[in-house]
C-alpha atoms as a PDB file:
ATOM      1  CA  MET A   1      16.015  -7.629  54.563  1.00  0.00           C
ATOM      2  CA  ASN A   2      13.680  -4.658  53.827  1.00  0.00           C
ATOM      3  CA  ALA A   3      16.675  -2.553  52.834  1.00  0.00           C
ATOM      4  CA  ILE A   4      17.781  -5.230  50.329  1.00  0.00           C
ATOM      5  CA  ARG A   5      14.286  -5.394  48.853  1.00  0.00           C
ATOM      6  CA  LYS A   6      14.208  -1.607  48.448  1.00  0.00           C
ATOM      7  CA  LEU A   7      17.598  -1.652  46.720  1.00  0.00           C
ATOM      8  CA  ARG A   8      16.370  -4.345  44.308  1.00  0.00           C
ATOM      9  CA  HIS A   9      13.204  -2.360  43.637  1.00  0.00           C
ATOM     10  CA  PHE A  10      15.120   0.823  42.822  1.00  0.00           C
ATOM     11  CA  ALA A  11      17.598  -1.153  40.691  1.00  0.00           C
ATOM     12  CA  ILE A  12      14.772  -2.621  38.598  1.00  0.00           C
ATOM     13  CA  LEU A  13      13.176   0.815  38.149  1.00  0.00           C
ATOM     14  CA  ALA A  14      16.511   2.240  37.069  1.00  0.00           C
ATOM     15  CA  LEU A  15      17.005  -0.514  34.468  1.00  0.00           C
ATOM     16  CA  VAL A  16      13.494  -0.050  33.072  1.00  0.00           C
ATOM     17  CA  THR A  17      14.111   3.698  32.800  1.00  0.00           C
ATOM     18  CA  LEU A  18      17.373   3.125  30.964  1.00  0.00           C
ATOM     19  CA  PHE A  19      15.715   0.668  28.553  1.00  0.00           C
ATOM     20  CA  ILE A  20      12.939   3.137  27.755  1.00  0.00           C
ATOM     21  CA  GLU A  21      15.333   6.038  27.245  1.00  0.00           C
ATOM     22  CA  ALA A  22      17.448   3.870  24.942  1.00  0.00           C
ATOM     23  CA  GLY A  23      14.376   2.847  22.943  1.00  0.00           C
ATOM     24  CA  ILE A  24      14.781  -0.800  23.936  1.00  0.00           C
ATOM     25  CA  ALA A  25      11.286  -1.219  25.345  1.00  0.00           C
ATOM     26  CA  THR A  26       9.097  -2.639  22.570  1.00  0.00           C
ATOM     27  CA  GLY A  27       6.196  -0.223  22.939  1.00  0.00           C
ATOM     28  CA  TYR A  28       8.461   2.825  22.870  1.00  0.00           C
ATOM     29  CA  GLU A  29      10.403   1.520  19.890  1.00  0.00           C
ATOM     30  CA  GLN A  30       7.228   0.844  17.910  1.00  0.00           C
ATOM     31  CA  ALA A  31       5.809   4.279  18.715  1.00  0.00           C
ATOM     32  CA  SER A  32       8.999   6.016  17.598  1.00  0.00           C
ATOM     33  CA  GLU A  33       8.745   4.314  14.182  1.00  0.00           C
ATOM     34  CA  SER A  34       5.059   4.980  13.569  1.00  0.00           C
ATOM     35  CA  LEU A  35       3.751   7.135  10.741  1.00  0.00           C
ATOM     36  CA  ASN A  36       3.262  10.707  11.913  1.00  0.00           C
ATOM     37  CA  PRO A  37       0.315  12.363  10.085  1.00  0.00           C
ATOM     38  CA  GLN A  38       1.823  15.810  10.657  1.00  0.00           C
ATOM     39  CA  LYS A  39       4.966  14.720   8.786  1.00  0.00           C
ATOM     40  CA  THR A  40       3.279  12.718   6.005  1.00  0.00           C
ATOM     41  CA  TRP A  41       2.476  13.831   2.450  1.00  0.00           C
ATOM     42  CA  LEU A  42       0.385  12.000  -0.179  1.00  0.00           C
ATOM     43  CA  PHE A  43       0.535  12.801  -3.899  1.00  0.00           C
ATOM     44  CA  ALA A  44      -2.054  10.576  -5.612  1.00  0.00           C
ATOM     45  CA  VAL A  45      -2.938  10.298  -9.301  1.00  0.00           C
ATOM     46  CA  GLY A  46      -5.825   8.095 -10.455  1.00  0.00           C
ATOM     47  CA  ILE A  47      -6.529   8.027 -14.191  1.00  0.00           C
ATOM     48  CA  LEU A  48      -9.507   5.865 -15.230  1.00  0.00           C
ATOM     49  CA  THR A  49     -10.526   8.001 -18.244  1.00  0.00           C
ATOM     50  CA  PHE A  50      -8.253   8.510 -21.236  1.00  0.00           C
ATOM     51  CA  ALA A  51      -7.882  10.549 -24.413  1.00  0.00           C
ATOM     52  CA  ASN A  52      -9.683   8.005 -26.601  1.00  0.00           C
ATOM     53  CA  ASN A  53     -12.679   8.138 -24.227  1.00  0.00           C
ATOM     54  CA  ALA A  54     -11.906   4.646 -22.974  1.00  0.00           C
ATOM     55  CA  SER A  55     -12.610   4.364 -19.280  1.00  0.00           C
ATOM     56  CA  TRP A  56     -12.839   1.871 -16.452  1.00  0.00           C
ATOM     57  CA  ASP A  57     -15.654   1.462 -13.981  1.00  0.00           C
ATOM     58  CA  SER A  58     -15.127   4.120 -11.325  1.00  0.00           C
ATOM     59  CA  SER A  59     -17.441   2.603  -8.718  1.00  0.00           C
ATOM     60  CA  ASN A  60     -15.702   1.502  -5.535  1.00  0.00           C
ATOM     61  CA  ARG A  61     -12.450   2.940  -6.854  1.00  0.00           C
ATOM     62  CA  ARG A  62      -9.608   2.237  -4.455  1.00  0.00           C
ATOM     63  CA  ASP A  63      -7.520   5.327  -5.236  1.00  0.00           C
ATOM     64  CA  SER A  64     -10.144   7.607  -3.704  1.00  0.00           C
ATOM     65  CA  GLN A  65     -10.455   5.201  -0.760  1.00  0.00           C
ATOM     66  CA  ILE A  66      -6.713   5.449  -0.113  1.00  0.00           C
ATOM     67  CA  VAL A  67      -6.943   9.253  -0.211  1.00  0.00           C
ATOM     68  CA  SER A  68      -9.940   9.263   2.131  1.00  0.00           C
ATOM     69  CA  LEU A  69      -8.187   6.941   4.562  1.00  0.00           C
ATOM     70  CA  PHE A  70      -5.126   9.179   4.854  1.00  0.00           C
ATOM     71  CA  SER A  71      -7.384  12.197   5.257  1.00  0.00           C
ATOM     72  CA  SER A  72      -9.181  10.461   8.128  1.00  0.00           C
ATOM     73  CA  ARG A  73      -5.812   9.714   9.730  1.00  0.00           C
ATOM     74  CA  GLY A  74      -5.275  13.427  10.255  1.00  0.00           C
ATOM     75  CA  LEU A  75      -2.977  14.568   7.451  1.00  0.00           C
ATOM     76  CA  PRO A  76      -3.090  18.380   7.561  1.00  0.00           C
ATOM     77  CA  ASP A  77      -4.794  20.483   4.913  1.00  0.00           C
ATOM     78  CA  GLY A  78      -2.409  20.813   2.000  1.00  0.00           C
ATOM     79  CA  HIS A  79      -0.607  17.522   2.696  1.00  0.00           C
ATOM     80  CA  ILE A  80      -2.768  15.618   0.188  1.00  0.00           C
ATOM     81  CA  SER A  81      -2.894  16.231  -3.564  1.00  0.00           C
ATOM     82  CA  TYR A  82      -5.344  14.019  -5.487  1.00  0.00           C
ATOM     83  CA  ILE A  83      -5.575  14.391  -9.256  1.00  0.00           C
ATOM     84  CA  ALA A  84      -8.143  12.191 -10.982  1.00  0.00           C
ATOM     85  CA  ASP A  85      -9.396  11.403 -14.476  1.00  0.00           C
ATOM     86  CA  ARG A  86      -9.945  14.433 -16.761  1.00  0.00           C
ATOM     87  CA  ARG A  87      -7.969  16.668 -14.420  1.00  0.00           C
ATOM     88  CA  GLY A  88      -5.024  14.339 -14.848  1.00  0.00           C
ATOM     89  CA  THR A  89      -3.420  15.981 -17.859  1.00  0.00           C
ATOM     90  CA  LEU A  90       0.358  15.927 -18.065  1.00  0.00           C
ATOM     91  CA  ALA A  91       0.509  19.695 -17.567  1.00  0.00           C
ATOM     92  CA  ASN A  92      -1.701  19.583 -14.469  1.00  0.00           C
ATOM     93  CA  ILE A  93       0.234  16.762 -12.839  1.00  0.00           C
ATOM     94  CA  LYS A  94       3.653  18.250 -13.540  1.00  0.00           C
ATOM     95  CA  GLY A  95       2.476  21.684 -12.477  1.00  0.00           C
ATOM     96  CA  ALA A  96       1.175  20.355  -9.154  1.00  0.00           C
ATOM     97  CA  LEU A  97       4.063  18.096  -8.126  1.00  0.00           C
ATOM     98  CA  GLY A  98       6.875  20.630  -7.672  1.00  0.00           C
ATOM     99  CA  PRO A  99       5.036  23.180  -5.489  1.00  0.00           C
ATOM    100  CA  PHE A 100       3.562  20.329  -3.444  1.00  0.00           C
ATOM    101  CA  LEU A 101       7.017  18.899  -2.678  1.00  0.00           C
ATOM    102  CA  GLU A 102       8.511  22.285  -1.839  1.00  0.00           C
ATOM    103  CA  ARG A 103       6.160  22.722   1.126  1.00  0.00           C
ATOM    104  CA  SER A 104       7.601  19.672   2.892  1.00  0.00           C
ATOM    105  CA  GLN A 105       9.852  19.941   5.929  1.00  0.00           C
ATOM    106  CA  GLN A 106      12.910  18.142   7.252  1.00  0.00           C
ATOM    107  CA  GLY A 107      12.152  14.565   8.329  1.00  0.00           C
ATOM    108  CA  ASP A 108       8.892  14.304   6.344  1.00  0.00           C
ATOM    109  CA  PHE A 109       7.583  11.148   4.637  1.00  0.00           C
ATOM    110  CA  LEU A 110       6.160  11.177   1.083  1.00  0.00           C
ATOM    111  CA  ILE A 111       3.880   8.616  -0.547  1.00  0.00           C
ATOM    112  CA  HIS A 112       3.538   8.961  -4.325  1.00  0.00           C
ATOM    113  CA  TYR A 113       0.699   6.796  -5.680  1.00  0.00           C
ATOM    114  CA  TYR A 114      -0.426   6.214  -9.269  1.00  0.00           C
ATOM    115  CA  THR A 115      -3.105   4.025 -10.818  1.00  0.00           C
ATOM    116  CA  GLY A 116      -4.087   3.856 -14.483  1.00  0.00           C
ATOM    117  CA  HIS A 117      -2.182   2.836 -17.615  1.00  0.00           C
ATOM    118  CA  GLY A 118       1.579   2.448 -17.532  1.00  0.00           C
ATOM    119  CA  GLY A 119       4.583   1.537 -19.611  1.00  0.00           C
ATOM    120  CA  VAL A 120       8.221   0.883 -18.870  1.00  0.00           C
ATOM    121  CA  GLY A 121       9.497   4.013 -17.149  1.00  0.00           C
ATOM    122  CA  SER A 122       6.282   6.022 -17.294  1.00  0.00           C
ATOM    123  CA  PHE A 123       2.666   6.509 -16.268  1.00  0.00           C
ATOM    124  CA  GLU A 124      -0.010   7.601 -18.749  1.00  0.00           C
ATOM    125  CA  THR A 125      -2.084  10.749 -18.329  1.00  0.00           C
ATOM    126  CA  THR A 126      -5.657  11.412 -19.412  1.00  0.00           C
ATOM    127  CA  ASN A 127      -4.561  13.307 -22.534  1.00  0.00           C
ATOM    128  CA  GLY A 128      -1.958  10.770 -23.616  1.00  0.00           C
ATOM    129  CA  GLY A 129       1.191  12.418 -22.251  1.00  0.00           C
ATOM    130  CA  SER A 130       3.789  10.334 -20.434  1.00  0.00           C
ATOM    131  CA  TYR A 131       4.372  11.105 -16.763  1.00  0.00           C
ATOM    132  CA  ASN A 132       7.901   9.721 -16.632  1.00  0.00           C
ATOM    133  CA  HIS A 133       9.444   8.039 -13.593  1.00  0.00           C
ATOM    134  CA  ALA A 134      12.685   9.931 -14.271  1.00  0.00           C
ATOM    135  CA  PHE A 135      10.802  13.242 -14.003  1.00  0.00           C
ATOM    136  CA  ILE A 136       9.211  12.157 -10.717  1.00  0.00           C
ATOM    137  CA  ALA A 137      12.613  11.163  -9.303  1.00  0.00           C
ATOM    138  CA  LYS A 138      14.225  14.444 -10.365  1.00  0.00           C
ATOM    139  CA  GLN A 139      11.441  16.516  -8.823  1.00  0.00           C
ATOM    140  CA  ILE A 140      11.640  14.608  -5.545  1.00  0.00           C
ATOM    141  CA  THR A 141      15.416  14.747  -5.230  1.00  0.00           C
ATOM    142  CA  SER A 142      15.531  18.460  -6.013  1.00  0.00           C
ATOM    143  CA  LYS A 143      12.432  19.731  -4.201  1.00  0.00           C
ATOM    144  CA  PHE A 144      11.401  17.331  -1.440  1.00  0.00           C
ATOM    145  CA  ASN A 145      12.781  18.428   1.930  1.00  0.00           C
ATOM    146  CA  GLY A 146      11.945  15.216   3.788  1.00  0.00           C
ATOM    147  CA  LYS A 147      13.882  12.025   4.310  1.00  0.00           C
ATOM    148  CA  GLN A 148      11.805   9.073   3.021  1.00  0.00           C
ATOM    149  CA  VAL A 149       9.734   8.332  -0.104  1.00  0.00           C
ATOM    150  CA  LEU A 150       7.459   5.382  -0.975  1.00  0.00           C
ATOM    151  CA  LEU A 151       6.425   5.022  -4.636  1.00  0.00           C
ATOM    152  CA  LEU A 152       3.269   2.965  -5.297  1.00  0.00           C
ATOM    153  CA  GLY A 153       2.342   1.915  -8.838  1.00  0.00           C
ATOM    154  CA  ASP A 154      -0.870   0.100  -9.804  1.00  0.00           C
ATOM    155  CA  CYS A 155      -0.583  -0.356 -13.568  1.00  0.00           C
ATOM    156  CA  CYS A 156       1.185  -2.270 -16.348  1.00  0.00           C
ATOM    157  CA  ASP A 157       4.996  -2.404 -16.142  1.00  0.00           C
ATOM    158  CA  SER A 158       4.950  -0.591 -12.783  1.00  0.00           C
ATOM    159  CA  GLY A 159       7.904  -2.682 -11.605  1.00  0.00           C
ATOM    160  CA  SER A 160      10.118  -0.353 -13.634  1.00  0.00           C
ATOM    161  CA  LEU A 161       9.793   2.023 -10.684  1.00  0.00           C
ATOM    162  CA  GLU A 162      12.693   0.049  -9.240  1.00  0.00           C
ATOM    163  CA  ASP A 163      14.989   2.011 -11.564  1.00  0.00           C
ATOM    164  CA  VAL A 164      14.254   5.093  -9.446  1.00  0.00           C
ATOM    165  CA  VAL A 165      15.354   3.191  -6.351  1.00  0.00           C
ATOM    166  CA  LYS A 166      18.428   1.702  -8.051  1.00  0.00           C
ATOM    167  CA  ASN A 167      19.581   5.129  -9.210  1.00  0.00           C
ATOM    168  CA  ALA A 168      18.805   6.962  -5.980  1.00  0.00           C
ATOM    169  CA  SER A 169      21.630   8.833  -4.287  1.00  0.00           C
ATOM    170  CA  GLY A 170      21.805  11.532  -1.696  1.00  0.00           C
ATOM    171  CA  PRO A 171      20.010  12.017   1.613  1.00  0.00           C
ATOM    172  CA  ILE A 172      16.513  10.817   0.579  1.00  0.00           C
ATOM    173  CA  ALA A 173      15.657   7.145   1.168  1.00  0.00           C
ATOM    174  CA  PHE A 174      13.497   5.522  -1.532  1.00  0.00           C
ATOM    175  CA  ALA A 175      11.321   2.431  -1.863  1.00  0.00           C
ATOM    176  CA  CYS A 176       8.894   1.244  -4.526  1.00  0.00           C
ATOM    177  CA  LEU A 177       6.030  -1.258  -4.463  1.00  0.00           C
ATOM    178  CA  SER A 178       4.359  -2.285  -7.713  1.00  0.00           C
ATOM    179  CA  SER A 179       1.431  -4.318  -9.019  1.00  0.00           C
ATOM    180  CA  SER A 180       3.562  -6.001 -11.694  1.00  0.00           C
ATOM    181  CA  SER A 181       7.116  -6.473 -12.860  1.00  0.00           C
ATOM    182  CA  ARG A 182       8.648  -4.128 -15.437  1.00  0.00           C
ATOM    183  CA  THR A 183       7.394  -6.322 -18.329  1.00  0.00           C
ATOM    184  CA  GLU A 184       3.971  -7.534 -17.138  1.00  0.00           C
ATOM    185  CA  SER A 185       0.569  -6.280 -18.162  1.00  0.00           C
ATOM    186  CA  GLY A 186      -1.848  -5.100 -15.531  1.00  0.00           C
ATOM    187  CA  ASN A 187      -5.252  -6.631 -14.933  1.00  0.00           C
ATOM    188  CA  GLY A 188      -7.783  -3.795 -14.765  1.00  0.00           C
ATOM    189  CA  ARG A 189      -8.742  -4.855 -11.237  1.00  0.00           C
ATOM    190  CA  TRP A 190      -7.968  -3.356  -7.858  1.00  0.00           C
ATOM    191  CA  THR A 191      -6.010  -6.281  -6.407  1.00  0.00           C
ATOM    192  CA  PHE A 192      -2.876  -4.227  -5.676  1.00  0.00           C
ATOM    193  CA  SER A 193      -4.588  -1.175  -4.233  1.00  0.00           C
ATOM    194  CA  GLN A 194      -6.975  -3.341  -2.218  1.00  0.00           C
ATOM    195  CA  ALA A 195      -4.013  -5.196  -0.677  1.00  0.00           C
ATOM    196  CA  VAL A 196      -2.437  -1.855   0.254  1.00  0.00           C
ATOM    197  CA  LEU A 197      -5.749  -0.812   1.820  1.00  0.00           C
ATOM    198  CA  ASP A 198      -5.886  -4.078   3.789  1.00  0.00           C
ATOM    199  CA  GLY A 199      -2.663  -3.051   5.498  1.00  0.00           C
ATOM    200  CA  LEU A 200      -3.562   0.601   5.995  1.00  0.00           C
ATOM    201  CA  ARG A 201      -6.918  -0.389   7.502  1.00  0.00           C
ATOM    202  CA  GLY A 202      -5.243  -2.672  10.016  1.00  0.00           C
ATOM    203  CA  GLU A 203      -6.479  -6.057   8.823  1.00  0.00           C
ATOM    204  CA  PRO A 204      -4.848  -8.496  11.293  1.00  0.00           C
ATOM    205  CA  TYR A 205      -3.832 -11.012   8.613  1.00  0.00           C
ATOM    206  CA  VAL A 206      -1.377  -8.425   7.228  1.00  0.00           C
ATOM    207  CA  ASP A 207       0.392  -8.363  10.612  1.00  0.00           C
ATOM    208  CA  LEU A 208       2.839 -11.193   9.894  1.00  0.00           C
ATOM    209  CA  ASN A 209       4.596 -11.277  13.265  1.00  0.00           C
ATOM    210  CA  GLY A 210       1.425 -10.783  15.298  1.00  0.00           C
ATOM    211  CA  ASP A 211       2.731  -7.844  17.321  1.00  0.00           C
ATOM    212  CA  GLY A 212      -0.333  -5.667  16.720  1.00  0.00           C
ATOM    213  CA  TYR A 213       1.428  -3.318  14.290  1.00  0.00           C
ATOM    214  CA  ILE A 214       1.558  -3.335  10.479  1.00  0.00           C
ATOM    215  CA  THR A 215       4.740  -2.097   8.835  1.00  0.00           C
ATOM    216  CA  ILE A 216       5.607  -1.113   5.282  1.00  0.00           C
ATOM    217  CA  ASP A 217       7.537  -4.393   4.928  1.00  0.00           C
ATOM    218  CA  GLU A 218       4.468  -6.380   6.013  1.00  0.00           C
ATOM    219  CA  ILE A 219       2.180  -4.545   3.586  1.00  0.00           C
ATOM    220  CA  ALA A 220       4.682  -5.273   0.809  1.00  0.00           C
ATOM    221  CA  ALA A 221       4.672  -8.986   1.685  1.00  0.00           C
ATOM    222  CA  HIS A 222       0.856  -9.041   1.659  1.00  0.00           C
ATOM    223  CA  VAL A 223       0.775  -7.255  -1.712  1.00  0.00           C
ATOM    224  CA  LYS A 224       3.277  -9.711  -3.209  1.00  0.00           C
ATOM    225  CA  HIS A 225       1.162 -12.641  -1.988  1.00  0.00           C
ATOM    226  CA  ASP A 226      -2.124 -11.339  -3.416  1.00  0.00           C
ATOM    227  CA  ILE A 227      -0.585 -10.311  -6.733  1.00  0.00           C
ATOM    228  CA  ARG A 228       0.990 -13.751  -7.139  1.00  0.00           C
ATOM    229  CA  VAL A 229      -2.096 -15.739  -6.115  1.00  0.00           C
ATOM    230  CA  TYR A 230      -4.892 -13.730  -7.712  1.00  0.00           C
ATOM    231  CA  GLU A 231      -3.149 -12.192 -10.729  1.00  0.00           C
ATOM    232  CA  ASN A 232      -0.212 -14.537 -11.476  1.00  0.00           C
ATOM    233  CA  ASN A 233       1.960 -11.420 -11.588  1.00  0.00           C
ATOM    234  CA  HIS A 234       5.090 -10.382  -9.713  1.00  0.00           C
ATOM    235  CA  SER A 235       4.975  -7.386  -7.405  1.00  0.00           C
ATOM    236  CA  ILE A 236       8.319  -5.609  -7.001  1.00  0.00           C
ATOM    237  CA  TYR A 237       9.365  -4.246  -3.618  1.00  0.00           C
ATOM    238  CA  ARG A 238      12.748  -2.584  -3.646  1.00  0.00           C
ATOM    239  CA  LYS A 239      14.257  -0.136  -1.164  1.00  0.00           C
ATOM    240  CA  THR A 240      17.491   1.703  -0.536  1.00  0.00           C
ATOM    241  CA  SER A 241      19.541   0.572   2.435  1.00  0.00           C
ATOM    242  CA  ASP A 242      18.496   3.599   4.491  1.00  0.00           C
ATOM    243  CA  PHE A 243      14.748   3.215   3.853  1.00  0.00           C
ATOM    244  CA  ASN A 244      12.888   2.278   7.034  1.00  0.00           C
ATOM    245  CA  GLY A 245      10.633  -0.595   6.023  1.00  0.00           C
ATOM    246  CA  LYS A 246       9.838  -1.150   9.703  1.00  0.00           C
ATOM    247  CA  MET A 247       7.862   2.086   9.869  1.00  0.00           C
ATOM    248  CA  VAL A 248       4.425   1.301  11.329  1.00  0.00           C
ATOM    249  CA  LEU A 249       1.560   2.445   9.092  1.00  0.00           C
ATOM    250  CA  ALA A 250      -1.329   0.969  11.096  1.00  0.00           C
ATOM    251  CA  LYS A 251      -2.335  -0.921  14.203  1.00  0.00           C
ATOM    252  CA  THR A 252      -4.386  -4.077  13.809  1.00  0.00           C
ATOM    253  CA  ASN A 253      -8.090  -3.376  14.118  1.00  0.00           C
ATOM    254  CA  SER A 254      -9.021  -6.698  15.759  1.00  0.00           C
ATOM    255  CA  SER A 255      -7.576 -10.095  16.589  1.00  0.00           C
ATOM    256  CA  GLY A 256      -8.107 -13.630  15.373  1.00  0.00           C
ATOM    257  CA  ARG A 257      -9.415 -12.841  11.899  1.00  0.00           C
ATOM    258  CA  ARG A 258      -8.343 -15.332   9.263  1.00  0.00           C
ATOM    259  CA  GLU A 259      -6.905 -14.266   5.959  1.00  0.00           C
ATOM    260  CA  PRO A 260      -9.406 -14.728   3.094  1.00  0.00           C
ATOM    261  CA  GLU A 261      -8.889 -18.054   1.327  1.00  0.00           C
ATOM    262  CA  PRO A 262      -7.952 -17.998  -2.380  1.00  0.00           C
ATOM    263  CA  VAL A 263     -10.574 -20.036  -4.219  1.00  0.00           C
ATOM    264  CA  ARG A 264     -12.264 -20.593  -7.544  1.00  0.00           C
ATOM    265  CA  VAL A 265     -16.060 -20.449  -7.707  1.00  0.00           C
ATOM    266  CA  LEU A 266     -18.262 -22.081 -10.334  1.00  0.00           C
ATOM    267  CA  TYR A 267     -20.407 -19.508 -12.103  1.00  0.00           C
ATOM    268  CA  HIS A 268     -22.186 -20.110 -15.430  1.00  0.00           C
ATOM    269  CA  SER A 269     -20.104 -23.254 -16.141  1.00  0.00           C
ATOM    270  CA  LYS A 270     -16.774 -21.457 -15.555  1.00  0.00           C
ATOM    271  CA  TRP A 271     -14.458 -21.297 -12.552  1.00  0.00           C
ATOM    272  CA  TRP A 272     -13.643 -17.736 -11.435  1.00  0.00           C
ATOM    273  CA  LYS A 273     -11.093 -16.550  -8.888  1.00  0.00           C
ATOM    274  CA  ALA A 274     -12.486 -15.203  -5.653  1.00  0.00           C
ATOM    275  CA  LYS A 275     -11.782 -14.761  -1.945  1.00  0.00           C
ATOM    276  CA  LEU A 276     -13.565 -16.935   0.582  1.00  0.00           C
ATOM    277  CA  MET A 277     -14.322 -14.512   3.403  1.00  0.00           C
ATOM    278  CA  GLU A 278     -16.151 -16.765   5.892  1.00  0.00           C
ATOM    279  CA  ARG A 279     -17.981 -20.102   6.223  1.00  0.00           C
ATOM    280  CA  SER A 280     -21.347 -20.956   7.704  1.00  0.00           C
ATOM    281  CA  GLY A 281     -22.629 -24.514   7.505  1.00  0.00           C
ATOM    282  CA  ASN A 282     -22.475 -25.713   3.910  1.00  0.00           C
ATOM    283  CA  LYS A 283     -22.151 -22.197   2.487  1.00  0.00           C
ATOM    284  CA  ALA A 284     -19.393 -19.598   2.198  1.00  0.00           C
ATOM    285  CA  ARG A 285     -19.364 -15.858   1.666  1.00  0.00           C
ATOM    286  CA  ILE A 286     -17.187 -15.053  -1.328  1.00  0.00           C
ATOM    287  CA  ARG A 287     -15.820 -11.871  -2.868  1.00  0.00           C
ATOM    288  CA  TRP A 288     -15.233 -11.938  -6.615  1.00  0.00           C
ATOM    289  CA  ILE A 289     -11.850 -11.073  -8.107  1.00  0.00           C
ATOM    290  CA  GLN A 290     -12.244 -11.728 -11.820  1.00  0.00           C
ATOM    291  CA  LEU A 291     -15.870 -10.779 -12.343  1.00  0.00           C
ATOM    292  CA  GLY A 292     -15.394  -7.186 -11.242  1.00  0.00           C
ATOM    293  CA  TYR A 293     -17.779  -7.284  -8.262  1.00  0.00           C
ATOM    294  CA  ASP A 294     -14.871  -7.105  -5.865  1.00  0.00           C
ATOM    295  CA  SER A 295     -16.260  -4.938  -3.082  1.00  0.00           C
ATOM    296  CA  ARG A 296     -17.757  -5.831   0.284  1.00  0.00           C
ATOM    297  CA  ASP A 297     -21.289  -4.879  -0.729  1.00  0.00           C
ATOM    298  CA  GLN A 298     -21.146  -7.298  -3.669  1.00  0.00           C
ATOM    299  CA  ASP A 299     -20.292 -10.381  -1.588  1.00  0.00           C
ATOM    300  CA  ILE A 300     -22.560 -13.409  -2.115  1.00  0.00           C
ATOM    301  CA  TRP A 301     -23.142 -16.725  -0.343  1.00  0.00           C
ATOM    302  CA  VAL A 302     -22.648 -19.915  -2.371  1.00  0.00           C
ATOM    303  CA  ASN A 303     -22.700 -23.639  -1.626  1.00  0.00           C
ATOM    304  CA  LEU A 304     -19.320 -25.154  -0.754  1.00  0.00           C
ATOM    305  CA  ASP A 305     -19.662 -27.693  -3.584  1.00  0.00           C
ATOM    306  CA  ARG A 306     -19.229 -24.770  -6.023  1.00  0.00           C
ATOM    307  CA  ILE A 307     -15.886 -23.814  -4.471  1.00  0.00           C
ATOM    308  CA  ARG A 308     -12.408 -25.247  -4.892  1.00  0.00           C
ATOM    309  CA  PRO A 309      -9.119 -23.968  -3.447  1.00  0.00           C
ATOM    310  CA  ILE A 310      -6.353 -22.098  -5.267  1.00  0.00           C
ATOM    311  CA  SER A 311      -2.786 -22.982  -4.380  1.00  0.00           C
ATOM    312  CA  ASP A 312      -0.385 -20.408  -2.975  1.00  0.00           C
ATOM    313  CA  ARG A 313       1.030 -20.044  -6.487  1.00  0.00           C
ATOM    314  CA  GLY A 314      -2.302 -19.033  -7.959  1.00  0.00           C
ATOM    315  CA  THR A 315      -3.067 -22.305  -9.762  1.00  0.00           C
END
């Protein structure tokens, strides 16, 4: 009897070993798909000041928060390029992109992020020049040595980034995620970039399957939800067949946290969109969307009788 038990024990150990070596065990599989800071590159452009001296409020800007987050995740020196505002001339951006891409290695992952003004097929620079999607695609395909690229666009008409994905060929896998379709205006708020940050920071409500990991696909689904509900726009997520949307970008930072509720809040006789963050008695903590005070430190408590829900379609 003892001999039979020993045989069963060794048989089970052998099967477990085979499963792990084959990548079948869930923990091993997830780890093998996780973002590797040593193999990740971030090229970020944030233009809030333009040639006509028009500018947006730069307080609590989410582009710099995204850059800071990736820096804290351990991306090596030289793996992040962040060009902002007056430095964001067309010449500076074009001059920086090529050399940045050329330093990449086989198997690397690139995130290209832009926020500012946009048009169909292009991003705007601080001096009025057009930073064209076609130029970005050509630079990546000819100079990037890695295998996977994610394009993020937070501006008007950013859905036209899907043309880069449609036209992609060769060994590099592409995906794009936008704040609008190719023919929709932007909103001047940070709804898109904040939704991306929610995922990167490990907010548990972005983890759709509840496995403790947040993938690119799950961040895209969260972005699409928030853009639809809070902005009545249509985020575009498109990827080539070889793009790994299951790549894990974050682990959840806690458990049991509810997703903020989409609501409207009465303020000066008008109803404004907001997020209901938590309830306590007859009051709720809300975060503004439309009024501009959309950061954690600007949250306020209001009576529940000043709040009404927004449907999943943003109405």
